[in-house]
Amino acid sequence: MKVSRVIGVAAACCLLAGCFEADQDLTVDEDGSATFRTRIAMEASVVQMSEDDGDFCSPEEVPAVDGVSVEQESFAEGSMEVCTVTASGPIDRLAEWIELDQGPTGADGEMGEAPTIALRREDSDYVFSVHFESSPMEAGADDPMMEEMKPMMVAAFAGRSLDWSVSAPEILETNGQLSEDGKTASYSVPMASLLDEGFKDRLFEVRFALDSPGLLKRLLGN
């Protein structure tokens, strides 16, 4: 399962029904090992109706990288079908896995609706980013019927969101929400906000270090 592709396709299919939610969490340890977990949930009725039903939680499309183990699970949770993919390994190898999981952008622009997720090394630090380049709602932005349906759609989206978090020994910089202990950065996109704002110009970025700050650094506060 190409994680980003499924997020993009699911969002395009489900914006009218409020039937989709997703979260991704990156956890990094001081020894350089890391785990990237994705959870995607869709209404079971939509999964069954979709032409891409077989791609929703297909193990054949999970990329393989030496040193990275991948566990995939699908199960029912109320009226939702849930798919989880957990990739674990050395952080540099995991970065390769995330890049492969993006998949190439096709000529038809299929990946244009999906967020671009990246994990890269910059000197001794690492940077994790999520970038939205386009919105599946843009095509119907000028449709009067879409405007009339917005109140119902906003109600259907209540409580649903796209969420990301990064936990590491030390978060150096982020434009997301930083936890009190300075070790977790989180970012959430309410589904309802996509109706008016779309995915454009949305960026979540976290710069982090593998080493936790020493006592002197904590005392100095920098």
Protein backbone atom coordinates (compact mmCIF):
# COMPACT_ATOMS: atom_id res chain seq x y z
CA MET A 1 0.00 0.00 0.00
CA LYS A 2 1.46 3.33 -1.06
CA VAL A 3 0.53 5.29 2.07
CA SER A 4 0.50 8.78 0.53
CA ARG A 5 -1.38 7.59 -2.55
CA VAL A 6 -4.11 6.08 -0.38
CA ILE A 7 -4.39 9.27 1.69
CA GLY A 8 -4.85 11.32 -1.49
CA VAL A 9 -7.35 8.96 -3.13
CA ALA A 10 -9.30 8.47 0.09
CA ALA A 11 -9.53 12.20 0.71
CA ALA A 12 -10.81 12.76 -2.82
CA CYS A 13 -13.43 10.01 -2.45
CA CYS A 14 -14.57 10.86 1.05
CA LEU A 15 -14.70 14.64 1.30
CA LEU A 16 -18.39 14.53 0.46
CA ALA A 17 -19.20 11.94 3.11
CA GLY A 18 -16.89 12.79 6.00
CA CYS A 19 -15.85 9.14 6.00
CA PHE A 20 -12.07 9.36 6.18
CA GLU A 21 -9.39 10.07 8.76
CA ALA A 22 -5.67 9.40 8.99
CA ASP A 23 -2.73 9.86 11.33
CA GLN A 24 0.99 9.26 11.01
CA ASP A 25 3.53 9.13 13.85
CA LEU A 26 7.32 9.12 13.67
CA THR A 27 9.12 7.96 16.83
CA VAL A 28 12.91 8.25 17.02
CA ASP A 29 15.22 6.85 19.72
CA GLU A 30 18.66 8.08 20.78
CA ASP A 31 20.31 4.99 19.26
CA GLY A 32 19.13 6.07 15.80
CA SER A 33 16.33 3.53 15.48
CA ALA A 34 12.97 4.85 14.34
CA THR A 35 9.39 3.76 13.75
CA PHE A 36 6.93 5.32 11.30
CA ARG A 37 3.31 4.31 11.87
CA THR A 38 0.39 5.12 9.60
CA ARG A 39 -3.27 4.59 10.46
CA ILE A 40 -5.93 5.15 7.79
CA ALA A 41 -9.64 4.64 8.42
CA MET A 42 -12.48 4.75 5.88
CA GLU A 43 -16.17 3.94 6.08
CA ALA A 44 -16.55 0.26 5.17
CA SER A 45 -19.31 1.05 2.66
CA VAL A 46 -17.01 3.42 0.76
CA VAL A 47 -14.16 0.89 0.72
CA GLN A 48 -16.48 -1.74 -0.76
CA MET A 49 -17.78 0.66 -3.42
CA SER A 50 -14.37 1.98 -4.45
CA GLU A 51 -12.69 0.69 -7.60
CA ASP A 52 -9.45 0.85 -5.61
CA ASP A 53 -10.81 -1.44 -2.88
CA GLY A 54 -7.93 -3.87 -3.39
CA ASP A 55 -5.39 -1.05 -2.92
CA PHE A 56 -6.73 0.15 0.44
CA CYS A 57 -4.58 -2.23 2.48
CA SER A 58 -2.64 -4.15 -0.15
CA PRO A 59 0.65 -5.64 1.16
CA GLU A 60 1.97 -6.05 -2.39
CA GLU A 61 2.54 -2.30 -2.71
CA VAL A 62 4.54 -1.86 0.50
CA PRO A 63 8.14 -0.95 -0.48
CA ALA A 64 11.04 -3.11 0.69
CA VAL A 65 14.28 -1.61 2.05
CA ASP A 66 17.10 -3.62 3.68
CA GLY A 67 17.08 -3.13 7.43
CA VAL A 68 13.46 -1.91 7.56
CA SER A 69 10.78 -4.25 8.85
CA VAL A 70 7.16 -3.58 7.93
CA GLU A 71 4.04 -4.81 9.70
CA GLN A 72 0.62 -4.32 8.16
CA GLU A 73 -2.76 -4.93 9.73
CA SER A 74 -6.35 -4.38 8.67
CA PHE A 75 -9.39 -4.62 10.90
CA ALA A 76 -12.90 -3.28 11.47
CA GLU A 77 -13.51 -0.54 14.01
CA GLY A 78 -17.21 0.23 14.28
CA SER A 79 -18.38 1.29 10.82
CA MET A 80 -14.81 1.97 9.68
CA GLU A 81 -12.28 -0.20 7.92
CA VAL A 82 -8.85 0.50 9.40
CA CYS A 83 -5.44 -0.16 7.88
CA THR A 84 -2.21 0.30 9.84
CA VAL A 85 1.32 0.15 8.42
CA THR A 86 4.28 0.22 10.81
CA ALA A 87 7.82 0.51 9.43
CA SER A 88 10.81 0.23 11.79
CA GLY A 89 14.57 0.38 11.34
CA PRO A 90 17.64 2.66 11.37
CA ILE A 91 16.53 6.22 10.73
CA ASP A 92 18.54 6.67 7.52
CA ARG A 93 17.08 3.47 6.07
CA LEU A 94 13.62 4.50 7.20
CA ALA A 95 14.10 7.78 5.33
CA GLU A 96 14.72 5.73 2.17
CA TRP A 97 11.56 3.70 2.84
CA ILE A 98 9.45 6.85 3.24
CA GLU A 99 10.81 8.21 -0.05
CA LEU A 100 9.97 4.97 -1.87
CA ASP A 101 6.53 4.88 -0.31
CA GLN A 102 5.70 8.21 -1.95
CA GLY A 103 5.76 6.58 -5.36
CA PRO A 104 6.24 8.47 -8.65
CA THR A 105 3.78 11.14 -9.69
CA GLY A 106 1.92 9.86 -12.72
CA ALA A 107 1.20 11.78 -15.91
CA ASP A 108 -2.42 12.11 -14.80
CA GLY A 109 -1.33 13.86 -11.62
CA GLU A 110 -2.67 11.12 -9.38
CA MET A 111 -0.26 11.95 -6.56
CA GLY A 112 -1.07 15.66 -6.76
CA GLU A 113 -3.86 15.21 -4.22
CA ALA A 114 -1.62 13.46 -1.69
CA PRO A 115 0.68 15.10 0.85
CA THR A 116 4.40 14.88 0.18
CA ILE A 117 6.11 13.34 3.20
CA ALA A 118 9.88 13.45 3.62
CA LEU A 119 12.53 12.58 6.18
CA ARG A 120 16.02 13.87 5.45
CA ARG A 121 19.32 14.42 7.21
CA GLU A 122 20.87 17.90 7.40
CA ASP A 123 24.33 17.80 8.97
CA SER A 124 23.83 16.22 12.40
CA ASP A 125 20.09 16.99 12.52
CA TYR A 126 17.07 15.45 10.82
CA VAL A 127 14.06 17.16 9.26
CA PHE A 128 10.62 15.59 8.87
CA SER A 129 8.10 17.43 6.69
CA VAL A 130 4.58 17.08 5.35
CA HIS A 131 3.60 19.33 2.44
CA PHE A 132 0.18 19.69 0.81
CA GLU A 133 0.39 20.93 -2.78
CA SER A 134 -3.22 20.76 -3.97
CA SER A 135 -6.74 20.04 -2.78
CA PRO A 136 -9.25 17.53 -4.18
CA MET A 137 -11.91 20.18 -3.54
CA GLU A 138 -10.48 22.68 -6.03
CA ALA A 139 -12.21 21.17 -9.05
CA GLY A 140 -15.64 21.88 -7.55
CA ALA A 141 -14.79 25.17 -5.94
CA ASP A 142 -17.05 27.15 -8.32
CA ASP A 143 -19.94 24.68 -8.31
CA PRO A 144 -23.10 26.25 -6.76
CA MET A 145 -24.27 22.82 -5.61
CA MET A 146 -21.03 22.34 -3.68
CA GLU A 147 -21.63 25.63 -1.90
CA GLU A 148 -25.14 24.54 -0.92
CA MET A 149 -23.84 21.24 0.44
CA LYS A 150 -21.07 22.78 2.55
CA PRO A 151 -23.08 23.02 5.82
CA MET A 152 -23.89 19.29 5.66
CA MET A 153 -20.32 18.45 4.76
CA VAL A 154 -18.91 20.52 7.62
CA ALA A 155 -21.24 18.69 10.03
CA ALA A 156 -20.12 15.33 8.64
CA PHE A 157 -16.47 16.28 9.15
CA ALA A 158 -16.93 17.16 12.84
CA GLY A 159 -14.22 15.50 14.91
CA ARG A 160 -12.31 14.15 11.89
CA SER A 161 -8.82 15.29 10.98
CA LEU A 162 -5.48 14.45 9.40
CA ASP A 163 -2.84 14.24 12.14
CA TRP A 164 0.93 13.95 12.32
CA SER A 165 3.38 13.75 15.22
CA VAL A 166 7.13 13.41 15.67
CA SER A 167 8.70 12.22 18.92
CA ALA A 168 12.48 12.46 19.27
CA PRO A 169 15.14 12.97 21.97
CA GLU A 170 15.15 16.71 21.20
CA ILE A 171 12.90 18.82 18.97
CA LEU A 172 15.01 21.75 17.74
CA GLU A 173 12.45 23.62 15.61
CA THR A 174 8.86 23.11 14.49
CA ASN A 175 5.87 25.05 13.22
CA GLY A 176 3.59 22.52 14.91
CA GLN A 177 2.48 22.18 18.52
CA LEU A 178 5.37 21.40 20.85
CA SER A 179 4.82 19.29 23.96
CA GLU A 180 5.85 20.57 27.39
CA ASP A 181 8.86 18.26 27.55
CA GLY A 182 10.07 19.47 24.14
CA LYS A 183 10.21 15.96 22.71
CA THR A 184 7.04 15.74 20.61
CA ALA A 185 5.78 18.00 17.83
CA SER A 186 2.26 17.53 16.46
CA TYR A 187 0.17 18.97 13.65
CA SER A 188 -3.51 18.55 12.85
CA VAL A 189 -5.62 19.50 9.84
CA PRO A 190 -9.36 19.50 10.60
CA MET A 191 -11.18 17.95 7.66
CA ALA A 192 -13.80 20.71 7.74
CA SER A 193 -11.14 23.35 7.09
CA LEU A 194 -10.32 21.77 3.73
CA LEU A 195 -13.66 22.91 2.36
CA ASP A 196 -12.63 26.55 2.49
CA GLU A 197 -8.84 26.45 2.63
CA GLY A 198 -7.94 23.31 0.70
CA PHE A 199 -4.53 21.69 1.03
CA LYS A 200 -2.54 24.54 -0.54
CA ASP A 201 0.32 26.16 1.34
CA ARG A 202 0.10 23.75 4.26
CA LEU A 203 3.43 22.67 5.66
CA PHE A 204 4.35 20.79 8.82
CA GLU A 205 8.06 20.69 9.51
CA VAL A 206 10.11 19.37 12.43
CA ARG A 207 13.87 19.60 12.92
CA PHE A 208 15.14 17.23 15.58
CA ALA A 209 18.31 15.74 17.06
CA LEU A 210 19.06 12.20 18.16
CA ASP A 211 20.89 13.33 21.30
CA SER A 212 18.88 14.72 24.18
CA PRO A 213 20.23 18.01 25.62
CA GLY A 214 22.71 17.67 28.45
CA LEU A 215 22.26 19.13 31.92
CA LEU A 216 24.27 22.30 31.16
CA LYS A 217 22.24 22.98 28.00
CA ARG A 218 18.97 22.51 29.88
CA LEU A 219 20.12 24.88 32.62
CA LEU A 220 21.15 27.51 30.06
CA GLY A 221 17.88 27.05 28.18
CA ASN A 222 19.41 26.94 24.68
